[in-house]
Amino acid sequence: MVVKIRLARLGCRNHPFYRVVVTDSKTTRDGKQPEVLGFYNPVAGKDDDKRMSLKLERIKYWLSVGAKPSEPVEHLLFRAGLGQSHQFPVAALNGHILNQDQPTIAADHNGISPEAIFSIALQV
């Protein structure tokens, strides 16, 4: 039995609301859920506390047992501080996630490394 951490959709049409749940990989999206680990509300404001809430201790437990997060849940875990940055390239100066089309920070500053820019900013 492969256990996955994924999103289960709730809410009305055009007003989605998701629960972060632990399920068997073969169940349907809204099927049986042994445990609810949190919620995600994409409609809420970006700085709102009601946008996302996760039970980090339980998520750490399920990851240690071998549960595999889905791609959207992996992105949420990265934003909460539990994910790994190798999946999502991050800009060094501002911490925003880069798309494949966006240039890297080193290309923006004519060959100056981000570490040098950061150290210059600390000295000023």
PDB file of N, CA and C in Angstrom:
ATOM      1  N   MET A   1       0.850  -1.176   0.000  1.00  0.00           N
ATOM      2  CA  MET A   1       0.000   0.000   0.000  1.00  0.00           C
ATOM      3  C   MET A   1       0.894   1.237   0.000  1.00  0.00           C
ATOM      4  N   VAL A   2       0.773   2.064  -1.036  1.00  0.00           N
ATOM      5  CA  VAL A   2       1.527   3.296  -1.144  1.00  0.00           C
ATOM      6  C   VAL A   2       0.667   4.434  -0.608  1.00  0.00           C
ATOM      7  N   VAL A   3       1.213   5.159   0.356  1.00  0.00           N
ATOM      8  CA  VAL A   3       0.472   6.256   0.981  1.00  0.00           C
ATOM      9  C   VAL A   3       0.920   7.560   0.351  1.00  0.00           C
ATOM     10  N   LYS A   4      -0.038   8.405   0.003  1.00  0.00           N
ATOM     11  CA  LYS A   4       0.254   9.697  -0.601  1.00  0.00           C
ATOM     12  C   LYS A   4      -0.349  10.805   0.248  1.00  0.00           C
ATOM     13  N   ILE A   5       0.315  11.951   0.243  1.00  0.00           N
ATOM     14  CA  ILE A   5      -0.230  13.173   0.836  1.00  0.00           C
ATOM     15  C   ILE A   5      -0.675  14.027  -0.336  1.00  0.00           C
ATOM     16  N   ARG A   6      -1.971  14.311  -0.419  1.00  0.00           N
ATOM     17  CA  ARG A   6      -2.477  15.078  -1.555  1.00  0.00           C
ATOM     18  C   ARG A   6      -3.645  15.956  -1.151  1.00  0.00           C
ATOM     19  N   LEU A   7      -4.166  16.703  -2.110  1.00  0.00           N
ATOM     20  CA  LEU A   7      -5.257  17.635  -1.866  1.00  0.00           C
ATOM     21  C   LEU A   7      -6.597  16.993  -2.191  1.00  0.00           C
ATOM     22  N   ALA A   8      -7.590  17.207  -1.329  1.00  0.00           N
ATOM     23  CA  ALA A   8      -8.975  16.796  -1.586  1.00  0.00           C
ATOM     24  C   ALA A   8      -9.792  18.073  -1.736  1.00  0.00           C
ATOM     25  N   ARG A   9     -10.518  18.190  -2.835  1.00  0.00           N
ATOM     26  CA  ARG A   9     -11.242  19.424  -3.118  1.00  0.00           C
ATOM     27  C   ARG A   9     -12.583  19.465  -2.400  1.00  0.00           C
ATOM     28  N   LEU A  10     -12.849  20.612  -1.811  1.00  0.00           N
ATOM     29  CA  LEU A  10     -14.135  20.913  -1.192  1.00  0.00           C
ATOM     30  C   LEU A  10     -14.587  22.258  -1.744  1.00  0.00           C
ATOM     31  N   GLY A  11     -15.711  22.769  -1.252  1.00  0.00           N
ATOM     32  CA  GLY A  11     -16.167  24.088  -1.676  1.00  0.00           C
ATOM     33  C   GLY A  11     -17.098  24.010  -2.867  1.00  0.00           C
ATOM     34  N   CYS A  12     -17.565  25.168  -3.269  1.00  0.00           N
ATOM     35  CA  CYS A  12     -18.522  25.275  -4.371  1.00  0.00           C
ATOM     36  C   CYS A  12     -17.797  25.486  -5.695  1.00  0.00           C
ATOM     37  N   ARG A  13     -18.580  25.540  -6.734  1.00  0.00           N
ATOM     38  CA  ARG A  13     -18.041  25.828  -8.050  1.00  0.00           C
ATOM     39  C   ARG A  13     -17.487  27.251  -8.046  1.00  0.00           C
ATOM     40  N   ASN A  14     -16.318  27.446  -8.601  1.00  0.00           N
ATOM     41  CA  ASN A  14     -15.596  28.723  -8.669  1.00  0.00           C
ATOM     42  C   ASN A  14     -15.111  29.221  -7.307  1.00  0.00           C
ATOM     43  N   HIS A  15     -15.265  28.464  -6.244  1.00  0.00           N
ATOM     44  CA  HIS A  15     -14.742  28.810  -4.926  1.00  0.00           C
ATOM     45  C   HIS A  15     -14.087  27.572  -4.314  1.00  0.00           C
ATOM     46  N   PRO A  16     -12.933  27.161  -4.848  1.00  0.00           N
ATOM     47  CA  PRO A  16     -12.322  25.921  -4.354  1.00  0.00           C
ATOM     48  C   PRO A  16     -11.753  26.091  -2.959  1.00  0.00           C
ATOM     49  N   PHE A  17     -11.714  24.989  -2.251  1.00  0.00           N
ATOM     50  CA  PHE A  17     -11.146  24.900  -0.920  1.00  0.00           C
ATOM     51  C   PHE A  17     -10.581  23.497  -0.821  1.00  0.00           C
ATOM     52  N   TYR A  18      -9.348  23.356  -0.404  1.00  0.00           N
ATOM     53  CA  TYR A  18      -8.698  22.053  -0.404  1.00  0.00           C
ATOM     54  C   TYR A  18      -8.293  21.642   1.003  1.00  0.00           C
ATOM     55  N   ARG A  19      -8.405  20.357   1.279  1.00  0.00           N
ATOM     56  CA  ARG A  19      -7.847  19.760   2.488  1.00  0.00           C
ATOM     57  C   ARG A  19      -6.590  19.006   2.096  1.00  0.00           C
ATOM     58  N   VAL A  20      -5.575  19.097   2.917  1.00  0.00           N
ATOM     59  CA  VAL A  20      -4.365  18.296   2.736  1.00  0.00           C
ATOM     60  C   VAL A  20      -4.600  17.014   3.513  1.00  0.00           C
ATOM     61  N   VAL A  21      -4.643  15.887   2.802  1.00  0.00           N
ATOM     62  CA  VAL A  21      -5.039  14.621   3.415  1.00  0.00           C
ATOM     63  C   VAL A  21      -4.017  13.527   3.107  1.00  0.00           C
ATOM     64  N   VAL A  22      -4.063  12.478   3.913  1.00  0.00           N
ATOM     65  CA  VAL A  22      -3.282  11.264   3.693  1.00  0.00           C
ATOM     66  C   VAL A  22      -4.237  10.218   3.139  1.00  0.00           C
ATOM     67  N   THR A  23      -3.896   9.642   1.990  1.00  0.00           N
ATOM     68  CA  THR A  23      -4.747   8.621   1.384  1.00  0.00           C
ATOM     69  C   THR A  23      -3.895   7.517   0.774  1.00  0.00           C
ATOM     70  N   ASP A  24      -4.558   6.419   0.472  1.00  0.00           N
ATOM     71  CA  ASP A  24      -3.943   5.374  -0.325  1.00  0.00           C
ATOM     72  C   ASP A  24      -3.862   5.889  -1.760  1.00  0.00           C
ATOM     73  N   SER A  25      -2.813   5.543  -2.475  1.00  0.00           N
ATOM     74  CA  SER A  25      -2.609   6.083  -3.821  1.00  0.00           C
ATOM     75  C   SER A  25      -3.683   5.635  -4.811  1.00  0.00           C
ATOM     76  N   LYS A  26      -4.411   4.550  -4.499  1.00  0.00           N
ATOM     77  CA  LYS A  26      -5.404   4.040  -5.443  1.00  0.00           C
ATOM     78  C   LYS A  26      -6.814   4.575  -5.214  1.00  0.00           C
ATOM     79  N   THR A  27      -7.014   5.356  -4.140  1.00  0.00           N
ATOM     80  CA  THR A  27      -8.348   5.902  -3.904  1.00  0.00           C
ATOM     81  C   THR A  27      -8.568   7.136  -4.760  1.00  0.00           C
ATOM     82  N   THR A  28      -9.835   7.519  -4.913  1.00  0.00           N
ATOM     83  CA  THR A  28     -10.172   8.693  -5.699  1.00  0.00           C
ATOM     84  C   THR A  28      -9.781   9.964  -4.957  1.00  0.00           C
ATOM     85  N   ARG A  29      -9.863  11.091  -5.653  1.00  0.00           N
ATOM     86  CA  ARG A  29      -9.441  12.366  -5.072  1.00  0.00           C
ATOM     87  C   ARG A  29     -10.198  12.698  -3.799  1.00  0.00           C
ATOM     88  N   ASP A  30     -11.503  12.462  -3.799  1.00  0.00           N
ATOM     89  CA  ASP A  30     -12.331  12.786  -2.644  1.00  0.00           C
ATOM     90  C   ASP A  30     -12.779  11.537  -1.902  1.00  0.00           C
ATOM     91  N   GLY A  31     -11.999  10.466  -2.005  1.00  0.00           N
ATOM     92  CA  GLY A  31     -12.369   9.205  -1.374  1.00  0.00           C
ATOM     93  C   GLY A  31     -12.025   9.166   0.105  1.00  0.00           C
ATOM     94  N   LYS A  32     -11.838   7.948   0.608  1.00  0.00           N
ATOM     95  CA  LYS A  32     -11.580   7.736   2.023  1.00  0.00           C
ATOM     96  C   LYS A  32     -10.261   8.382   2.434  1.00  0.00           C
ATOM     97  N   GLN A  33     -10.303   9.100   3.575  1.00  0.00           N
ATOM     98  CA  GLN A  33      -9.135   9.827   4.061  1.00  0.00           C
ATOM     99  C   GLN A  33      -8.847   9.422   5.510  1.00  0.00           C
ATOM    100  N   PRO A  34      -7.758   8.702   5.754  1.00  0.00           N
ATOM    101  CA  PRO A  34      -7.447   8.318   7.139  1.00  0.00           C
ATOM    102  C   PRO A  34      -7.155   9.504   8.057  1.00  0.00           C
ATOM    103  N   GLU A  35      -6.542  10.572   7.504  1.00  0.00           N
ATOM    104  CA  GLU A  35      -6.193  11.701   8.361  1.00  0.00           C
ATOM    105  C   GLU A  35      -6.159  12.993   7.546  1.00  0.00           C
ATOM    106  N   VAL A  36      -6.673  14.060   8.144  1.00  0.00           N
ATOM    107  CA  VAL A  36      -6.625  15.396   7.543  1.00  0.00           C
ATOM    108  C   VAL A  36      -5.451  16.133   8.176  1.00  0.00           C
ATOM    109  N   LEU A  37      -4.534  16.639   7.329  1.00  0.00           N
ATOM    110  CA  LEU A  37      -3.315  17.274   7.811  1.00  0.00           C
ATOM    111  C   LEU A  37      -3.358  18.800   7.744  1.00  0.00           C
ATOM    112  N   GLY A  38      -4.388  19.366   7.170  1.00  0.00           N
ATOM    113  CA  GLY A  38      -4.474  20.818   7.085  1.00  0.00           C
ATOM    114  C   GLY A  38      -5.406  21.231   5.970  1.00  0.00           C
ATOM    115  N   PHE A  39      -5.343  22.520   5.607  1.00  0.00           N
ATOM    116  CA  PHE A  39      -6.178  23.021   4.520  1.00  0.00           C
ATOM    117  C   PHE A  39      -5.424  24.065   3.726  1.00  0.00           C
ATOM    118  N   TYR A  40      -5.934  24.334   2.522  1.00  0.00           N
ATOM    119  CA  TYR A  40      -5.384  25.357   1.634  1.00  0.00           C
ATOM    120  C   TYR A  40      -6.551  26.034   0.938  1.00  0.00           C
ATOM    121  N   ASN A  41      -6.601  27.366   1.049  1.00  0.00           N
ATOM    122  CA  ASN A  41      -7.672  28.143   0.438  1.00  0.00           C
ATOM    123  C   ASN A  41      -7.050  29.107  -0.565  1.00  0.00           C
ATOM    124  N   PRO A  42      -7.065  28.784  -1.872  1.00  0.00           N
ATOM    125  CA  PRO A  42      -6.421  29.652  -2.862  1.00  0.00           C
ATOM    126  C   PRO A  42      -7.162  30.961  -3.085  1.00  0.00           C
ATOM    127  N   VAL A  43      -8.417  31.079  -2.643  1.00  0.00           N
ATOM    128  CA  VAL A  43      -9.201  32.288  -2.862  1.00  0.00           C
ATOM    129  C   VAL A  43      -8.841  33.367  -1.841  1.00  0.00           C
ATOM    130  N   ALA A  44      -8.388  32.989  -0.661  1.00  0.00           N
ATOM    131  CA  ALA A  44      -8.061  33.954   0.398  1.00  0.00           C
ATOM    132  C   ALA A  44      -6.867  34.807  -0.020  1.00  0.00           C
ATOM    133  N   GLY A  45      -6.692  35.950   0.626  1.00  0.00           N
ATOM    134  CA  GLY A  45      -5.586  36.856   0.329  1.00  0.00           C
ATOM    135  C   GLY A  45      -4.241  36.222   0.634  1.00  0.00           C
ATOM    136  N   LYS A  46      -3.188  36.731   0.004  1.00  0.00           N
ATOM    137  CA  LYS A  46      -1.867  36.128   0.157  1.00  0.00           C
ATOM    138  C   LYS A  46      -1.314  36.257   1.570  1.00  0.00           C
ATOM    139  N   ASP A  47      -1.643  37.333   2.277  1.00  0.00           N
ATOM    140  CA  ASP A  47      -1.133  37.527   3.628  1.00  0.00           C
ATOM    141  C   ASP A  47      -2.110  37.069   4.701  1.00  0.00           C
ATOM    142  N   ASP A  48      -3.210  36.478   4.291  1.00  0.00           N
ATOM    143  CA  ASP A  48      -4.252  36.069   5.220  1.00  0.00           C
ATOM    144  C   ASP A  48      -3.855  34.767   5.921  1.00  0.00           C
ATOM    145  N   ASP A  49      -4.154  34.665   7.224  1.00  0.00           N
ATOM    146  CA  ASP A  49      -3.874  33.435   7.973  1.00  0.00           C
ATOM    147  C   ASP A  49      -4.798  32.300   7.560  1.00  0.00           C
ATOM    148  N   LYS A  50      -5.915  32.634   6.946  1.00  0.00           N
ATOM    149  CA  LYS A  50      -6.876  31.612   6.541  1.00  0.00           C
ATOM    150  C   LYS A  50      -6.527  30.994   5.189  1.00  0.00           C
ATOM    151  N   ARG A  51      -5.403  31.361   4.592  1.00  0.00           N
ATOM    152  CA  ARG A  51      -5.024  30.827   3.289  1.00  0.00           C
ATOM    153  C   ARG A  51      -4.496  29.397   3.398  1.00  0.00           C
ATOM    154  N   MET A  52      -3.681  29.126   4.422  1.00  0.00           N
ATOM    155  CA  MET A  52      -3.090  27.801   4.535  1.00  0.00           C
ATOM    156  C   MET A  52      -2.806  27.496   5.996  1.00  0.00           C
ATOM    157  N   SER A  53      -3.112  26.284   6.409  1.00  0.00           N
ATOM    158  CA  SER A  53      -2.785  25.821   7.751  1.00  0.00           C
ATOM    159  C   SER A  53      -2.410  24.348   7.656  1.00  0.00           C
ATOM    160  N   LEU A  54      -1.273  23.999   8.225  1.00  0.00           N
ATOM    161  CA  LEU A  54      -0.783  22.625   8.157  1.00  0.00           C
ATOM    162  C   LEU A  54      -0.383  22.140   9.547  1.00  0.00           C
ATOM    163  N   LYS A  55      -0.628  20.857   9.814  1.00  0.00           N
ATOM    164  CA  LYS A  55      -0.153  20.211  11.041  1.00  0.00           C
ATOM    165  C   LYS A  55       1.244  19.660  10.733  1.00  0.00           C
ATOM    166  N   LEU A  56       2.258  20.470  11.019  1.00  0.00           N
ATOM    167  CA  LEU A  56       3.620  20.146  10.602  1.00  0.00           C
ATOM    168  C   LEU A  56       4.160  18.892  11.272  1.00  0.00           C
ATOM    169  N   GLU A  57       3.819  18.666  12.527  1.00  0.00           N
ATOM    170  CA  GLU A  57       4.314  17.474  13.224  1.00  0.00           C
ATOM    171  C   GLU A  57       3.786  16.195  12.565  1.00  0.00           C
ATOM    172  N   ARG A  58       2.511  16.194  12.219  1.00  0.00           N
ATOM    173  CA  ARG A  58       1.920  15.011  11.581  1.00  0.00           C
ATOM    174  C   ARG A  58       2.462  14.828  10.165  1.00  0.00           C
ATOM    175  N   ILE A  59       2.700  15.928   9.466  1.00  0.00           N
ATOM    176  CA  ILE A  59       3.271  15.823   8.121  1.00  0.00           C
ATOM    177  C   ILE A  59       4.672  15.241   8.194  1.00  0.00           C
ATOM    178  N   LYS A  60       5.469  15.691   9.166  1.00  0.00           N
ATOM    179  CA  LYS A  60       6.816  15.130   9.344  1.00  0.00           C
ATOM    180  C   LYS A  60       6.744  13.642   9.655  1.00  0.00           C
ATOM    181  N   TYR A  61       5.753  13.240  10.462  1.00  0.00           N
ATOM    182  CA  TYR A  61       5.590  11.823  10.774  1.00  0.00           C
ATOM    183  C   TYR A  61       5.288  11.022   9.509  1.00  0.00           C
ATOM    184  N   TRP A  62       4.308  11.477   8.720  1.00  0.00           N
ATOM    185  CA  TRP A  62       3.927  10.731   7.528  1.00  0.00           C
ATOM    186  C   TRP A  62       5.054  10.689   6.501  1.00  0.00           C
ATOM    187  N   LEU A  63       5.834  11.750   6.388  1.00  0.00           N
ATOM    188  CA  LEU A  63       6.973  11.738   5.478  1.00  0.00           C
ATOM    189  C   LEU A  63       8.039  10.768   5.964  1.00  0.00           C
ATOM    190  N   SER A  64       8.237  10.676   7.278  1.00  0.00           N
ATOM    191  CA  SER A  64       9.230   9.744   7.812  1.00  0.00           C
ATOM    192  C   SER A  64       8.803   8.298   7.625  1.00  0.00           C
ATOM    193  N   VAL A  65       7.500   8.048   7.615  1.00  0.00           N
ATOM    194  CA  VAL A  65       6.984   6.692   7.417  1.00  0.00           C
ATOM    195  C   VAL A  65       7.095   6.275   5.956  1.00  0.00           C
ATOM    196  N   GLY A  66       7.162   7.252   5.044  1.00  0.00           N
ATOM    197  CA  GLY A  66       7.328   6.915   3.631  1.00  0.00           C
ATOM    198  C   GLY A  66       6.229   7.427   2.728  1.00  0.00           C
ATOM    199  N   ALA A  67       5.376   8.303   3.221  1.00  0.00           N
ATOM    200  CA  ALA A  67       4.324   8.868   2.378  1.00  0.00           C
ATOM    201  C   ALA A  67       4.943   9.809   1.355  1.00  0.00           C
ATOM    202  N   LYS A  68       4.424   9.767   0.143  1.00  0.00           N
ATOM    203  CA  LYS A  68       4.932  10.598  -0.944  1.00  0.00           C
ATOM    204  C   LYS A  68       3.962  11.756  -1.177  1.00  0.00           C
ATOM    205  N   PRO A  69       4.427  12.999  -1.105  1.00  0.00           N
ATOM    206  CA  PRO A  69       3.525  14.126  -1.377  1.00  0.00           C
ATOM    207  C   PRO A  69       3.318  14.307  -2.881  1.00  0.00           C
ATOM    208  N   SER A  70       2.117  14.743  -3.248  1.00  0.00           N
ATOM    209  CA  SER A  70       1.864  15.067  -4.644  1.00  0.00           C
ATOM    210  C   SER A  70       2.575  16.371  -4.981  1.00  0.00           C
ATOM    211  N   GLU A  71       2.602  16.734  -6.257  1.00  0.00           N
ATOM    212  CA  GLU A  71       3.323  17.938  -6.669  1.00  0.00           C
ATOM    213  C   GLU A  71       2.750  19.225  -6.063  1.00  0.00           C
ATOM    214  N   PRO A  72       1.417  19.433  -6.050  1.00  0.00           N
ATOM    215  CA  PRO A  72       0.901  20.642  -5.399  1.00  0.00           C
ATOM    216  C   PRO A  72       1.176  20.675  -3.897  1.00  0.00           C
ATOM    217  N   VAL A  73       1.105  19.522  -3.242  1.00  0.00           N
ATOM    218  CA  VAL A  73       1.387  19.469  -1.808  1.00  0.00           C
ATOM    219  C   VAL A  73       2.873  19.715  -1.562  1.00  0.00           C
ATOM    220  N   GLU A  74       3.724  19.232  -2.445  1.00  0.00           N
ATOM    221  CA  GLU A  74       5.151  19.480  -2.328  1.00  0.00           C
ATOM    222  C   GLU A  74       5.440  20.982  -2.392  1.00  0.00           C
ATOM    223  N   HIS A  75       4.726  21.686  -3.261  1.00  0.00           N
ATOM    224  CA  HIS A  75       4.873  23.133  -3.372  1.00  0.00           C
ATOM    225  C   HIS A  75       4.408  23.821  -2.084  1.00  0.00           C
ATOM    226  N   LEU A  76       3.300  23.358  -1.514  1.00  0.00           N
ATOM    227  CA  LEU A  76       2.818  23.924  -0.244  1.00  0.00           C
ATOM    228  C   LEU A  76       3.801  23.662   0.890  1.00  0.00           C
ATOM    229  N   LEU A  77       4.384  22.474   0.919  1.00  0.00           N
ATOM    230  CA  LEU A  77       5.354  22.141   1.958  1.00  0.00           C
ATOM    231  C   LEU A  77       6.611  22.990   1.815  1.00  0.00           C
ATOM    232  N   PHE A  78       7.007  23.262   0.578  1.00  0.00           N
ATOM    233  CA  PHE A  78       8.164  24.121   0.349  1.00  0.00           C
ATOM    234  C   PHE A  78       7.889  25.528   0.875  1.00  0.00           C
ATOM    235  N   ARG A  79       6.681  26.035   0.631  1.00  0.00           N
ATOM    236  CA  ARG A  79       6.323  27.367   1.115  1.00  0.00           C
ATOM    237  C   ARG A  79       6.223  27.401   2.635  1.00  0.00           C
ATOM    238  N   ALA A  80       5.879  26.279   3.257  1.00  0.00           N
ATOM    239  CA  ALA A  80       5.789  26.211   4.717  1.00  0.00           C
ATOM    240  C   ALA A  80       7.141  25.956   5.369  1.00  0.00           C
ATOM    241  N   GLY A  81       8.167  25.634   4.569  1.00  0.00           N
ATOM    242  CA  GLY A  81       9.502  25.427   5.124  1.00  0.00           C
ATOM    243  C   GLY A  81       9.903  23.980   5.280  1.00  0.00           C
ATOM    244  N   LEU A  82       9.083  23.040   4.824  1.00  0.00           N
ATOM    245  CA  LEU A  82       9.418  21.617   4.953  1.00  0.00           C
ATOM    246  C   LEU A  82       9.977  21.013   3.675  1.00  0.00           C
ATOM    247  N   GLY A  83       9.775  21.675   2.549  1.00  0.00           N
ATOM    248  CA  GLY A  83      10.165  21.111   1.265  1.00  0.00           C
ATOM    249  C   GLY A  83      11.644  21.263   0.991  1.00  0.00           C
ATOM    250  N   GLN A  84      12.074  20.721  -0.120  1.00  0.00           N
ATOM    251  CA  GLN A  84      13.459  20.807  -0.527  1.00  0.00           C
ATOM    252  C   GLN A  84      13.540  21.723  -1.741  1.00  0.00           C
ATOM    253  N   SER A  85      14.553  22.569  -1.777  1.00  0.00           N
ATOM    254  CA  SER A  85      14.629  23.599  -2.805  1.00  0.00           C
ATOM    255  C   SER A  85      15.140  23.082  -4.143  1.00  0.00           C
ATOM    256  N   HIS A  86      15.583  21.837  -4.246  1.00  0.00           N
ATOM    257  CA  HIS A  86      16.092  21.356  -5.525  1.00  0.00           C
ATOM    258  C   HIS A  86      14.970  21.190  -6.552  1.00  0.00           C
ATOM    259  N   GLN A  87      13.744  21.056  -6.109  1.00  0.00           N
ATOM    260  CA  GLN A  87      12.628  20.915  -7.036  1.00  0.00           C
ATOM    261  C   GLN A  87      12.183  22.261  -7.592  1.00  0.00           C
ATOM    262  N   PHE A  88      12.301  23.314  -6.797  1.00  0.00           N
ATOM    263  CA  PHE A  88      11.833  24.629  -7.180  1.00  0.00           C
ATOM    264  C   PHE A  88      13.007  25.599  -7.134  1.00  0.00           C
ATOM    265  N   PRO A  89      13.497  26.088  -8.298  1.00  0.00           N
ATOM    266  CA  PRO A  89      14.598  27.050  -8.266  1.00  0.00           C
ATOM    267  C   PRO A  89      14.148  28.350  -7.620  1.00  0.00           C
ATOM    268  N   VAL A  90      14.976  28.850  -6.685  1.00  0.00           N
ATOM    269  CA  VAL A  90      14.613  30.028  -5.906  1.00  0.00           C
ATOM    270  C   VAL A  90      15.623  31.136  -6.170  1.00  0.00           C
ATOM    271  N   ALA A  91      15.129  32.361  -6.329  1.00  0.00           N
ATOM    272  CA  ALA A  91      16.008  33.511  -6.480  1.00  0.00           C
ATOM    273  C   ALA A  91      16.747  33.759  -5.169  1.00  0.00           C
ATOM    274  N   ALA A  92      18.033  34.062  -5.251  1.00  0.00           N
ATOM    275  CA  ALA A  92      18.855  34.193  -4.051  1.00  0.00           C
ATOM    276  C   ALA A  92      18.524  35.447  -3.248  1.00  0.00           C
ATOM    277  N   LEU A  93      18.183  36.532  -3.913  1.00  0.00           N
ATOM    278  CA  LEU A  93      17.995  37.783  -3.200  1.00  0.00           C
ATOM    279  C   LEU A  93      16.627  37.941  -2.566  1.00  0.00           C
ATOM    280  N   ASN A  94      15.571  37.533  -3.270  1.00  0.00           N
ATOM    281  CA  ASN A  94      14.234  37.783  -2.743  1.00  0.00           C
ATOM    282  C   ASN A  94      13.483  36.523  -2.348  1.00  0.00           C
ATOM    283  N   GLY A  95      13.953  35.335  -2.680  1.00  0.00           N
ATOM    284  CA  GLY A  95      13.311  34.097  -2.272  1.00  0.00           C
ATOM    285  C   GLY A  95      12.111  33.692  -3.101  1.00  0.00           C
ATOM    286  N   HIS A  96      11.839  34.386  -4.213  1.00  0.00           N
ATOM    287  CA  HIS A  96      10.717  34.018  -5.069  1.00  0.00           C
ATOM    288  C   HIS A  96      11.075  32.797  -5.908  1.00  0.00           C
ATOM    289  N   ILE A  97      10.074  31.979  -6.188  1.00  0.00           N
ATOM    290  CA  ILE A  97      10.282  30.795  -7.009  1.00  0.00           C
ATOM    291  C   ILE A  97      10.349  31.222  -8.462  1.00  0.00           C
ATOM    292  N   LEU A  98      11.398  30.770  -9.170  1.00  0.00           N
ATOM    293  CA  LEU A  98      11.600  31.135 -10.560  1.00  0.00           C
ATOM    294  C   LEU A  98      10.891  30.159 -11.479  1.00  0.00           C
ATOM    295  N   ASN A  99      10.374  30.667 -12.570  1.00  0.00           N
ATOM    296  CA  ASN A  99       9.852  29.818 -13.634  1.00  0.00           C
ATOM    297  C   ASN A  99      11.021  29.436 -14.526  1.00  0.00           C
ATOM    298  N   GLN A 100      10.804  28.488 -15.410  1.00  0.00           N
ATOM    299  CA  GLN A 100      11.864  28.087 -16.326  1.00  0.00           C
ATOM    300  C   GLN A 100      12.196  29.214 -17.304  1.00  0.00           C
ATOM    301  N   ASP A 101      11.232  30.108 -17.594  1.00  0.00           N
ATOM    302  CA  ASP A 101      11.439  31.175 -18.554  1.00  0.00           C
ATOM    303  C   ASP A 101      12.178  32.365 -17.961  1.00  0.00           C
ATOM    304  N   GLN A 102      12.151  32.528 -16.640  1.00  0.00           N
ATOM    305  CA  GLN A 102      12.788  33.674 -16.014  1.00  0.00           C
ATOM    306  C   GLN A 102      14.295  33.472 -15.935  1.00  0.00           C
ATOM    307  N   PRO A 103      15.078  34.536 -16.130  1.00  0.00           N
ATOM    308  CA  PRO A 103      16.533  34.400 -16.015  1.00  0.00           C
ATOM    309  C   PRO A 103      16.942  34.264 -14.555  1.00  0.00           C
ATOM    310  N   THR A 104      18.105  33.719 -14.341  1.00  0.00           N
ATOM    311  CA  THR A 104      18.608  33.578 -12.985  1.00  0.00           C
ATOM    312  C   THR A 104      19.144  34.906 -12.483  1.00  0.00           C
ATOM    313  N   ILE A 105      19.415  34.996 -11.210  1.00  0.00           N
ATOM    314  CA  ILE A 105      19.898  36.240 -10.607  1.00  0.00           C
ATOM    315  C   ILE A 105      21.280  36.597 -11.135  1.00  0.00           C
ATOM    316  N   ALA A 106      22.140  35.607 -11.342  1.00  0.00           N
ATOM    317  CA  ALA A 106      23.497  35.889 -11.802  1.00  0.00           C
ATOM    318  C   ALA A 106      23.488  36.535 -13.181  1.00  0.00           C
ATOM    319  N   ALA A 107      22.532  36.156 -14.029  1.00  0.00           N
ATOM    320  CA  ALA A 107      22.448  36.739 -15.364  1.00  0.00           C
ATOM    321  C   ALA A 107      21.944  38.175 -15.309  1.00  0.00           C
ATOM    322  N   ASP A 108      21.166  38.521 -14.285  1.00  0.00           N
ATOM    323  CA  ASP A 108      20.625  39.869 -14.167  1.00  0.00           C
ATOM    324  C   ASP A 108      21.683  40.888 -13.756  1.00  0.00           C
ATOM    325  N   HIS A 109      22.731  40.483 -13.075  1.00  0.00           N
ATOM    326  CA  HIS A 109      23.693  41.408 -12.498  1.00  0.00           C
ATOM    327  C   HIS A 109      25.043  41.360 -13.212  1.00  0.00           C
ATOM    328  N   ASN A 110      25.058  41.022 -14.480  1.00  0.00           N
ATOM    329  CA  ASN A 110      26.254  41.078 -15.328  1.00  0.00           C
ATOM    330  C   ASN A 110      27.436  40.307 -14.744  1.00  0.00           C
ATOM    331  N   GLY A 111      27.196  39.104 -14.290  1.00  0.00           N
ATOM    332  CA  GLY A 111      28.267  38.236 -13.837  1.00  0.00           C
ATOM    333  C   GLY A 111      28.644  38.386 -12.380  1.00  0.00           C
ATOM    334  N   ILE A 112      27.993  39.250 -11.630  1.00  0.00           N
ATOM    335  CA  ILE A 112      28.282  39.390 -10.207  1.00  0.00           C
ATOM    336  C   ILE A 112      27.492  38.331  -9.457  1.00  0.00           C
ATOM    337  N   SER A 113      28.150  37.598  -8.580  1.00  0.00           N
ATOM    338  CA  SER A 113      27.468  36.520  -7.864  1.00  0.00           C
ATOM    339  C   SER A 113      26.489  37.084  -6.834  1.00  0.00           C
ATOM    340  N   PRO A 114      25.412  36.350  -6.532  1.00  0.00           N
ATOM    341  CA  PRO A 114      24.456  36.810  -5.521  1.00  0.00           C
ATOM    342  C   PRO A 114      25.083  36.954  -4.145  1.00  0.00           C
ATOM    343  N   GLU A 115      26.095  36.118  -3.831  1.00  0.00           N
ATOM    344  CA  GLU A 115      26.741  36.216  -2.530  1.00  0.00           C
ATOM    345  C   GLU A 115      27.480  37.549  -2.399  1.00  0.00           C
ATOM    346  N   ALA A 116      28.111  38.004  -3.491  1.00  0.00           N
ATOM    347  CA  ALA A 116      28.817  39.275  -3.456  1.00  0.00           C
ATOM    348  C   ALA A 116      27.843  40.436  -3.272  1.00  0.00           C
ATOM    349  N   ILE A 117      26.726  40.376  -3.951  1.00  0.00           N
ATOM    350  CA  ILE A 117      25.722  41.427  -3.811  1.00  0.00           C
ATOM    351  C   ILE A 117      25.168  41.450  -2.397  1.00  0.00           C
ATOM    352  N   PHE A 118      24.934  40.273  -1.843  1.00  0.00           N
ATOM    353  CA  PHE A 118      24.410  40.179  -0.484  1.00  0.00           C
ATOM    354  C   PHE A 118      25.415  40.724   0.529  1.00  0.00           C
ATOM    355  N   SER A 119      26.717  40.393   0.348  1.00  0.00           N
ATOM    356  CA  SER A 119      27.720  40.883   1.295  1.00  0.00           C
ATOM    357  C   SER A 119      27.904  42.388   1.169  1.00  0.00           C
ATOM    358  N   ILE A 120      27.786  42.943  -0.029  1.00  0.00           N
ATOM    359  CA  ILE A 120      27.879  44.389  -0.212  1.00  0.00           C
ATOM    360  C   ILE A 120      26.703  45.059   0.483  1.00  0.00           C
ATOM    361  N   ALA A 121      25.521  44.475   0.381  1.00  0.00           N
ATOM    362  CA  ALA A 121      24.340  45.053   1.022  1.00  0.00           C
ATOM    363  C   ALA A 121      24.467  45.024   2.539  1.00  0.00           C
ATOM    364  N   LEU A 122      25.123  43.992   3.084  1.00  0.00           N
ATOM    365  CA  LEU A 122      25.310  43.928   4.539  1.00  0.00           C
ATOM    366  C   LEU A 122      26.303  44.972   5.023  1.00  0.00           C
ATOM    367  N   GLN A 123      27.281  45.303   4.199  1.00  0.00           N
ATOM    368  CA  GLN A 123      28.300  46.277   4.599  1.00  0.00           C
ATOM    369  C   GLN A 123      27.764  47.697   4.584  1.00  0.00           C
ATOM    370  N   VAL A 124      26.761  47.951   3.762  1.00  0.00           N
ATOM    371  CA  VAL A 124      26.219  49.315   3.651  1.00  0.00           C
ATOM    372  C   VAL A 124      25.280  49.605   4.736  1.00  0.00           C
TER     373      VAL A 124
END
